[in-house]
Amino acid sequence: MNSANNHPLLEVKDLGVTFTDDKGSLQALNQISFSVDREQFICVVGPSGSGKSTLIRVLAGLLAPTSGEVVLDGIPINEPRQGVGIVFQKANLMPWRSVLRNITLPLEINHVPQNEANERASELIELVGLTGFEDWLPHDLSGGMLQRVAIARSLIQDPDLLLLDEPFGALDALTREKMGAELLRIWRVRKKTVIMITHDISEAVFLADRVLAISPQPGNLRLDLEINLERPRQEDDRFSPEFVVYTQQLRDAIR
């Protein structure tokens, strides 16, 4: 094994975040520590207000921690950097740009030649199941299709770490399950390291190698639970005794 792969891809060390304004201070996260190996799929669950989205913003370099540090591949994260892709609950696509042009946007910003950008985007369009929709505009797409575009856009620069902040939160239950299965398929093909925020415990157990349970405010790590269910996962797994035990452990941890 290459020595560069002997250490975790991501290390979170005693992370704390406190927001302060003229009305006082609010501690969002308190002394959170965990590490993530390459190609792991991690889900983070917790009640509303537990600091899950704050955690993702810190991991993305969009928010500086008050204490502790985040280290990606041996280098502290202090600002947004290449190698980290992020997908939010809202797709945040440019309404006047087609599916293809929304996906190629990060490459255009970095002055990648158009032919190369189009070729890389076409591969991702096929990967996320949008072949034939290259020229469609966002207002003509369903919620699930919008998120497929957002995922493809986040992958276009081949990030080491993909962050997902409740990407399926606005979708109906059936579409959400379908998108979860699609996400697992994309993860297997692209072999990315994924950290996904979700409020759905069942979704977390179905998708993840490990689930991190964050307590109510101030958020701290209550449970780091390894999910030992065989892959590839099937919908029937949700009804297995092992699955039920995992979901109950997580519910107990965040109460």
Protein backbone atom coordinates (compact mmCIF):
# COMPACT_ATOMS: atom_id res chain seq x y z
CA MET A 1 0.00 0.00 0.00
CA ASN A 2 1.17 3.52 -0.79
CA SER A 3 2.33 5.31 2.36
CA ALA A 4 0.09 8.25 1.49
CA ASN A 5 -2.89 5.99 2.13
CA ASN A 6 -1.79 4.78 5.57
CA HIS A 7 -3.39 7.67 7.45
CA PRO A 8 -7.06 8.72 7.51
CA LEU A 9 -8.14 11.04 4.73
CA LEU A 10 -9.93 13.33 7.21
CA GLU A 11 -9.24 14.00 10.89
CA VAL A 12 -11.48 16.15 13.08
CA LYS A 13 -9.76 17.03 16.34
CA ASP A 14 -11.58 18.56 19.36
CA LEU A 15 -13.72 20.68 17.06
CA GLY A 16 -15.73 23.45 18.67
CA VAL A 17 -17.83 26.23 17.13
CA THR A 18 -19.35 29.14 19.05
CA PHE A 19 -21.34 31.91 17.38
CA THR A 20 -21.12 35.32 19.05
CA ASP A 21 -23.04 38.53 18.36
CA ASP A 22 -24.29 41.53 20.32
CA LYS A 23 -26.99 39.36 21.92
CA GLY A 24 -24.51 36.88 23.37
CA SER A 25 -22.94 33.59 22.34
CA LEU A 26 -24.26 30.22 21.20
CA GLN A 27 -22.18 27.05 21.32
CA ALA A 28 -23.09 24.98 18.25
CA LEU A 29 -20.45 22.21 18.46
CA ASN A 30 -18.41 21.03 21.42
CA GLN A 31 -15.18 18.98 21.29
CA ILE A 32 -16.07 16.71 18.38
CA SER A 33 -13.36 14.27 17.27
CA PHE A 34 -13.45 11.56 14.62
CA SER A 35 -11.50 10.36 11.59
CA VAL A 36 -12.57 9.09 8.18
CA ASP A 37 -10.70 6.60 6.02
CA ARG A 38 -10.55 6.81 2.25
CA GLU A 39 -13.64 5.60 0.38
CA GLN A 40 -15.74 5.38 3.54
CA PHE A 41 -19.38 6.47 3.46
CA ILE A 42 -20.20 8.33 6.69
CA CYS A 43 -23.63 9.63 7.70
CA VAL A 44 -24.21 12.18 10.47
CA VAL A 45 -27.56 12.25 12.27
CA GLY A 46 -28.94 14.42 15.03
CA PRO A 47 -31.98 16.49 15.98
CA SER A 48 -32.64 19.94 14.52
CA GLY A 49 -30.26 22.49 15.99
CA SER A 50 -27.55 19.96 16.85
CA GLY A 51 -25.00 21.63 14.57
CA LYS A 52 -24.97 19.11 11.71
CA SER A 53 -24.92 21.75 8.97
CA THR A 54 -22.39 23.78 10.95
CA LEU A 55 -20.14 20.72 10.93
CA ILE A 56 -20.42 20.38 7.15
CA ARG A 57 -19.59 24.07 6.67
CA VAL A 58 -16.44 23.66 8.77
CA LEU A 59 -15.41 20.52 6.85
CA ALA A 60 -15.90 22.44 3.60
CA GLY A 61 -13.75 25.33 4.79
CA LEU A 62 -16.72 27.73 4.67
CA LEU A 63 -16.64 28.39 8.43
CA ALA A 64 -13.63 28.64 10.72
CA PRO A 65 -13.81 26.60 13.94
CA THR A 66 -13.61 28.37 17.29
CA SER A 67 -11.39 25.60 18.65
CA GLY A 68 -9.77 22.42 17.38
CA GLU A 69 -8.95 21.69 13.75
CA VAL A 70 -9.90 19.75 10.65
CA VAL A 71 -7.10 18.07 8.68
CA LEU A 72 -7.62 16.77 5.14
CA ASP A 73 -4.90 14.49 3.79
CA GLY A 74 -2.43 15.92 6.30
CA ILE A 75 -3.22 19.60 5.61
CA PRO A 76 -5.43 21.74 7.92
CA ILE A 77 -8.62 23.09 6.31
CA ASN A 78 -8.82 26.84 6.86
CA GLU A 79 -10.67 27.85 3.68
CA PRO A 80 -12.45 26.23 0.72
CA ARG A 81 -10.02 24.10 -1.24
CA GLN A 82 -9.83 21.84 -4.22
CA GLY A 83 -10.39 18.24 -3.32
CA VAL A 84 -13.66 18.94 -1.48
CA GLY A 85 -17.05 18.89 -3.22
CA ILE A 86 -20.31 19.88 -1.55
CA VAL A 87 -24.00 19.39 -2.31
CA PHE A 88 -26.64 21.29 -0.34
CA GLN A 89 -30.33 20.50 0.23
CA LYS A 90 -31.19 23.04 -2.48
CA ALA A 91 -29.44 22.29 -5.75
CA ASN A 92 -28.48 25.98 -6.30
CA LEU A 93 -28.25 25.66 -10.06
CA MET A 94 -28.06 28.66 -12.36
CA PRO A 95 -31.54 28.83 -13.94
CA TRP A 96 -30.34 30.19 -17.29
CA ARG A 97 -27.73 27.47 -17.80
CA SER A 98 -28.51 24.02 -19.19
CA VAL A 99 -27.80 20.77 -17.36
CA LEU A 100 -24.51 20.47 -19.25
CA ARG A 101 -23.48 24.07 -18.60
CA ASN A 102 -24.34 23.88 -14.88
CA ILE A 103 -22.12 20.81 -14.56
CA THR A 104 -19.19 22.33 -16.49
CA LEU A 105 -19.31 25.62 -14.55
CA PRO A 106 -16.52 24.75 -12.02
CA LEU A 107 -14.21 23.78 -14.90
CA GLU A 108 -15.02 26.97 -16.81
CA ILE A 109 -14.12 29.02 -13.73
CA ASN A 110 -10.75 27.21 -13.69
CA HIS A 111 -10.26 27.85 -17.43
CA VAL A 112 -10.39 24.20 -18.47
CA PRO A 113 -10.75 23.99 -22.28
CA GLN A 114 -14.41 23.64 -23.33
CA ASN A 115 -13.91 20.36 -25.20
CA GLU A 116 -12.35 18.75 -22.13
CA ALA A 117 -15.04 20.18 -19.84
CA ASN A 118 -17.80 18.85 -22.10
CA GLU A 119 -16.21 15.41 -22.24
CA ARG A 120 -15.88 15.15 -18.48
CA ALA A 121 -19.42 16.44 -17.96
CA SER A 122 -20.83 13.94 -20.48
CA GLU A 123 -19.30 11.05 -18.51
CA LEU A 124 -20.94 12.33 -15.32
CA ILE A 125 -24.28 12.94 -17.04
CA GLU A 126 -24.30 9.28 -18.01
CA LEU A 127 -23.19 8.25 -14.50
CA VAL A 128 -26.05 10.12 -12.78
CA GLY A 129 -28.66 8.97 -15.29
CA LEU A 130 -29.35 12.23 -17.12
CA THR A 131 -28.42 11.20 -20.67
CA GLY A 132 -30.78 13.02 -23.03
CA PHE A 133 -31.32 15.94 -20.65
CA GLU A 134 -28.07 17.79 -21.44
CA ASP A 135 -29.84 20.85 -22.89
CA TRP A 136 -32.71 21.05 -20.40
CA LEU A 137 -32.99 24.02 -18.07
CA PRO A 138 -33.42 23.61 -14.29
CA HIS A 139 -37.06 24.78 -14.25
CA ASP A 140 -37.98 21.78 -16.44
CA LEU A 141 -36.42 19.19 -14.08
CA SER A 142 -37.88 17.30 -11.12
CA GLY A 143 -36.39 17.65 -7.63
CA GLY A 144 -34.52 14.37 -7.94
CA MET A 145 -33.10 15.37 -11.33
CA LEU A 146 -31.94 18.71 -9.94
CA GLN A 147 -29.99 16.92 -7.23
CA ARG A 148 -28.45 14.59 -9.81
CA VAL A 149 -27.16 17.68 -11.61
CA ALA A 150 -25.81 19.07 -8.33
CA ILE A 151 -24.05 15.79 -7.54
CA ALA A 152 -22.52 15.67 -11.03
CA ARG A 153 -21.34 19.28 -10.67
CA SER A 154 -19.72 18.45 -7.32
CA LEU A 155 -17.88 15.48 -8.90
CA ILE A 156 -16.63 17.30 -12.01
CA GLN A 157 -13.33 18.28 -10.35
CA ASP A 158 -12.81 14.75 -9.02
CA PRO A 159 -12.81 15.67 -5.29
CA ASP A 160 -11.24 13.45 -2.66
CA LEU A 161 -14.06 14.25 -0.23
CA LEU A 162 -17.75 14.70 -1.10
CA LEU A 163 -19.92 16.51 1.49
CA LEU A 164 -23.71 16.21 1.30
CA ASP A 165 -25.90 18.43 3.49
CA GLU A 166 -29.35 16.76 3.56
CA PRO A 167 -29.35 16.51 -0.25
CA PHE A 168 -32.65 14.63 -0.37
CA GLY A 169 -34.43 16.51 2.41
CA ALA A 170 -36.91 18.25 0.09
CA LEU A 171 -37.86 15.09 -1.84
CA ASP A 172 -40.86 12.84 -1.33
CA ALA A 173 -40.26 9.48 0.36
CA LEU A 174 -40.21 7.33 -2.77
CA THR A 175 -37.92 9.68 -4.70
CA ARG A 176 -35.69 9.92 -1.63
CA GLU A 177 -35.27 6.14 -1.46
CA LYS A 178 -34.51 6.00 -5.19
CA MET A 179 -31.92 8.79 -4.88
CA GLY A 180 -30.30 7.00 -1.93
CA ALA A 181 -29.85 3.88 -4.06
CA GLU A 182 -28.49 6.02 -6.91
CA LEU A 183 -26.04 7.70 -4.56
CA LEU A 184 -24.70 4.31 -3.44
CA ARG A 185 -24.27 3.29 -7.07
CA ILE A 186 -22.34 6.49 -7.87
CA TRP A 187 -20.22 6.04 -4.73
CA ARG A 188 -19.28 2.49 -5.73
CA VAL A 189 -18.31 3.58 -9.26
CA ARG A 190 -16.36 6.71 -8.30
CA LYS A 191 -14.89 5.37 -5.02
CA LYS A 192 -15.20 8.69 -3.20
CA THR A 193 -15.08 9.43 0.50
CA VAL A 194 -18.55 10.70 1.48
CA ILE A 195 -19.87 12.50 4.55
CA MET A 196 -23.62 13.01 4.42
CA ILE A 197 -25.87 14.90 6.82
CA THR A 198 -29.37 13.48 7.21
CA HIS A 199 -32.18 13.70 9.74
CA ASP A 200 -33.45 10.28 8.62
CA ILE A 201 -31.95 7.53 10.80
CA SER A 202 -33.19 4.73 8.54
CA GLU A 203 -31.58 6.42 5.52
CA ALA A 204 -28.31 6.78 7.43
CA VAL A 205 -28.16 3.09 8.38
CA PHE A 206 -29.05 2.02 4.84
CA LEU A 207 -26.35 4.16 3.20
CA ALA A 208 -23.42 4.33 5.59
CA ASP A 209 -20.37 2.36 6.69
CA ARG A 210 -20.51 4.36 9.93
CA VAL A 211 -23.10 6.68 11.43
CA LEU A 212 -22.12 9.54 13.75
CA ALA A 213 -24.86 10.58 16.18
CA ILE A 214 -24.70 14.22 17.31
CA SER A 215 -26.42 15.30 20.53
CA PRO A 216 -28.79 18.25 20.92
CA GLN A 217 -27.16 21.65 21.32
CA PRO A 218 -24.34 22.03 21.95
CA GLY A 219 -23.61 19.25 19.51
CA ASN A 220 -21.14 16.64 20.61
CA LEU A 221 -20.45 13.14 19.36
CA ARG A 222 -22.67 10.72 21.26
CA LEU A 223 -22.09 7.59 19.17
CA ASP A 224 -19.80 6.45 16.35
CA LEU A 225 -21.64 3.36 15.10
CA GLU A 226 -20.16 0.94 12.56
CA ILE A 227 -22.83 -0.54 10.26
CA ASN A 228 -21.95 -4.15 9.48
CA LEU A 229 -24.54 -4.84 6.79
CA GLU A 230 -23.40 -6.53 3.59
CA ARG A 231 -23.02 -4.50 0.42
CA PRO A 232 -24.60 -4.00 -2.01
CA ARG A 233 -27.57 -3.16 0.20
CA GLN A 234 -31.13 -4.11 -0.70
CA GLU A 235 -34.39 -2.41 0.31
CA ASP A 236 -35.38 -5.58 2.22
CA ASP A 237 -32.40 -4.93 4.54
CA ARG A 238 -34.49 -2.21 6.20
CA PHE A 239 -36.68 -4.94 7.74
CA SER A 240 -33.88 -7.13 9.09
CA PRO A 241 -33.38 -7.51 12.87
CA GLU A 242 -29.84 -6.07 12.57
CA PHE A 243 -31.16 -2.96 10.83
CA VAL A 244 -33.76 -2.38 13.53
CA VAL A 245 -31.14 -2.71 16.26
CA TYR A 246 -28.90 -0.11 14.56
CA THR A 247 -31.75 2.39 14.22
CA GLN A 248 -32.75 1.94 17.86
CA GLN A 249 -29.16 2.49 19.04
CA LEU A 250 -29.02 5.75 17.12
CA ARG A 251 -32.40 6.95 18.38
CA ASP A 252 -31.33 6.26 21.95
CA ALA A 253 -28.05 8.12 21.40
CA ILE A 254 -29.60 11.42 20.25
CA ARG A 255 -32.49 11.63 22.70
